[in-house]
Amino acid sequence: MLKAMRAHVDNNKLDEAASIAKDAAPYMHAKLASVQHSGPRGGPIPVVDLAKLSGDELDHLESIFGPLAGPGDDDGPDQAGEGEAS
């Protein structure tokens, strides 16, 4: 399909090339599935405001969930863009 498409492009037959490209696209580019995220029983996703926790409470949470986050230095400078805008 791709060889035929390129041959049509080389001969300036762009409509034919576009038709072949449309047919070849599903084989070259996976179609992403649509996923809807929701909370319990299809409701809203619950959130927790960690800003109201004390330092001891945050340290306790980090001791529990830190290993799940994987390696990294979350006490170092912000490299991910979180926090104040530049």
C-alpha atoms as a PDB file:
ATOM      1  CA  MET A   1       0.000   0.000   0.000  1.00  0.00           C
ATOM      2  CA  LEU A   2       2.765   2.430   0.908  1.00  0.00           C
ATOM      3  CA  LYS A   3       4.663   1.757  -2.325  1.00  0.00           C
ATOM      4  CA  ALA A   4       1.513   2.408  -4.335  1.00  0.00           C
ATOM      5  CA  MET A   5       0.807   5.568  -2.351  1.00  0.00           C
ATOM      6  CA  ARG A   6       4.324   6.890  -2.941  1.00  0.00           C
ATOM      7  CA  ALA A   7       4.086   6.051  -6.647  1.00  0.00           C
ATOM      8  CA  HIS A   8       0.892   8.118  -6.904  1.00  0.00           C
ATOM      9  CA  VAL A   9       2.577  11.013  -5.066  1.00  0.00           C
ATOM     10  CA  ASP A  10       5.553  10.840  -7.452  1.00  0.00           C
ATOM     11  CA  ASN A  11       3.117  11.031 -10.404  1.00  0.00           C
ATOM     12  CA  ASN A  12       1.267  13.961  -8.782  1.00  0.00           C
ATOM     13  CA  LYS A  13      -1.917  11.875  -8.399  1.00  0.00           C
ATOM     14  CA  LEU A  14      -2.632  13.205  -4.925  1.00  0.00           C
ATOM     15  CA  ASP A  15      -6.293  12.159  -4.715  1.00  0.00           C
ATOM     16  CA  GLU A  16      -5.347   8.527  -5.361  1.00  0.00           C
ATOM     17  CA  ALA A  17      -2.457   8.774  -2.893  1.00  0.00           C
ATOM     18  CA  ALA A  18      -4.765  10.213  -0.230  1.00  0.00           C
ATOM     19  CA  SER A  19      -7.261   7.382  -0.767  1.00  0.00           C
ATOM     20  CA  ILE A  20      -4.545   4.771  -0.280  1.00  0.00           C
ATOM     21  CA  ALA A  21      -3.180   6.648   2.748  1.00  0.00           C
ATOM     22  CA  LYS A  22      -6.642   6.545   4.328  1.00  0.00           C
ATOM     23  CA  ASP A  23      -6.808   2.772   3.808  1.00  0.00           C
ATOM     24  CA  ALA A  24      -3.269   2.230   5.123  1.00  0.00           C
ATOM     25  CA  ALA A  25      -3.609   4.454   8.200  1.00  0.00           C
ATOM     26  CA  PRO A  26      -5.157   1.818  10.532  1.00  0.00           C
ATOM     27  CA  TYR A  27      -2.188  -0.469   9.863  1.00  0.00           C
ATOM     28  CA  MET A  28       0.378   2.268  10.536  1.00  0.00           C
ATOM     29  CA  HIS A  29      -1.199   4.200  13.419  1.00  0.00           C
ATOM     30  CA  ALA A  30      -3.105   2.518  16.232  1.00  0.00           C
ATOM     31  CA  LYS A  31      -6.465   4.028  17.087  1.00  0.00           C
ATOM     32  CA  LEU A  32      -6.547   5.023  20.739  1.00  0.00           C
ATOM     33  CA  ALA A  33      -9.454   3.828  22.833  1.00  0.00           C
ATOM     34  CA  SER A  34     -11.641   6.352  24.590  1.00  0.00           C
ATOM     35  CA  VAL A  35     -11.525   5.983  28.364  1.00  0.00           C
ATOM     36  CA  GLN A  36     -13.708   7.802  30.837  1.00  0.00           C
ATOM     37  CA  HIS A  37     -12.279   8.005  34.351  1.00  0.00           C
ATOM     38  CA  SER A  38     -14.655   8.138  37.275  1.00  0.00           C
ATOM     39  CA  GLY A  39     -14.794   7.578  40.992  1.00  0.00           C
ATOM     40  CA  PRO A  40     -16.726   4.949  42.938  1.00  0.00           C
ATOM     41  CA  ARG A  41     -20.024   3.859  41.300  1.00  0.00           C
ATOM     42  CA  GLY A  42     -19.397   6.176  38.350  1.00  0.00           C
ATOM     43  CA  GLY A  43     -19.356   9.308  40.490  1.00  0.00           C
ATOM     44  CA  PRO A  44     -16.714  12.031  40.698  1.00  0.00           C
ATOM     45  CA  ILE A  45     -13.115  11.186  41.510  1.00  0.00           C
ATOM     46  CA  PRO A  46     -12.484  12.019  45.170  1.00  0.00           C
ATOM     47  CA  VAL A  47      -9.610  14.398  45.888  1.00  0.00           C
ATOM     48  CA  VAL A  48      -7.784  15.278  49.088  1.00  0.00           C
ATOM     49  CA  ASP A  49      -6.247  18.693  49.828  1.00  0.00           C
ATOM     50  CA  LEU A  50      -2.787  17.813  51.146  1.00  0.00           C
ATOM     51  CA  ALA A  51      -1.965  21.484  51.726  1.00  0.00           C
ATOM     52  CA  LYS A  52      -3.823  21.330  55.051  1.00  0.00           C
ATOM     53  CA  LEU A  53      -1.679  18.498  56.445  1.00  0.00           C
ATOM     54  CA  SER A  54       1.128  19.065  58.923  1.00  0.00           C
ATOM     55  CA  GLY A  55       4.730  18.203  58.132  1.00  0.00           C
ATOM     56  CA  ASP A  56       4.494  15.089  60.341  1.00  0.00           C
ATOM     57  CA  GLU A  57       1.354  13.941  58.501  1.00  0.00           C
ATOM     58  CA  LEU A  58       3.034  14.477  55.135  1.00  0.00           C
ATOM     59  CA  ASP A  59       6.131  12.560  56.298  1.00  0.00           C
ATOM     60  CA  HIS A  60       3.875   9.700  57.411  1.00  0.00           C
ATOM     61  CA  LEU A  61       2.134   9.602  54.016  1.00  0.00           C
ATOM     62  CA  GLU A  62       5.480   9.668  52.245  1.00  0.00           C
ATOM     63  CA  SER A  63       6.672   6.700  54.315  1.00  0.00           C
ATOM     64  CA  ILE A  64       3.576   4.774  53.182  1.00  0.00           C
ATOM     65  CA  PHE A  65       3.266   5.849  49.544  1.00  0.00           C
ATOM     66  CA  GLY A  66       6.827   6.902  48.726  1.00  0.00           C
ATOM     67  CA  PRO A  67       7.876   3.474  47.432  1.00  0.00           C
ATOM     68  CA  LEU A  68       4.944   3.525  44.994  1.00  0.00           C
ATOM     69  CA  ALA A  69       6.216   6.728  43.396  1.00  0.00           C
ATOM     70  CA  GLY A  70       9.481   5.104  42.360  1.00  0.00           C
ATOM     71  CA  PRO A  71      12.944   6.631  42.415  1.00  0.00           C
ATOM     72  CA  GLY A  72      13.237  10.364  42.462  1.00  0.00           C
ATOM     73  CA  ASP A  73      14.066  13.366  44.578  1.00  0.00           C
ATOM     74  CA  ASP A  74      10.785  15.115  45.276  1.00  0.00           C
ATOM     75  CA  ASP A  75      12.523  17.366  47.807  1.00  0.00           C
ATOM     76  CA  GLY A  76      14.859  18.710  45.100  1.00  0.00           C
ATOM     77  CA  PRO A  77      14.193  21.561  42.672  1.00  0.00           C
ATOM     78  CA  ASP A  78      10.941  21.334  40.725  1.00  0.00           C
ATOM     79  CA  GLN A  79      11.798  19.926  37.276  1.00  0.00           C
ATOM     80  CA  ALA A  80       8.304  18.765  36.259  1.00  0.00           C
ATOM     81  CA  GLY A  81       6.642  22.144  35.948  1.00  0.00           C
ATOM     82  CA  GLU A  82       4.566  21.888  39.095  1.00  0.00           C
ATOM     83  CA  GLY A  83       4.415  24.875  41.388  1.00  0.00           C
ATOM     84  CA  GLU A  84       4.837  28.476  40.316  1.00  0.00           C
ATOM     85  CA  ALA A  85       4.714  29.378  36.662  1.00  0.00           C
ATOM     86  CA  SER A  86       7.851  30.787  35.088  1.00  0.00           C
END
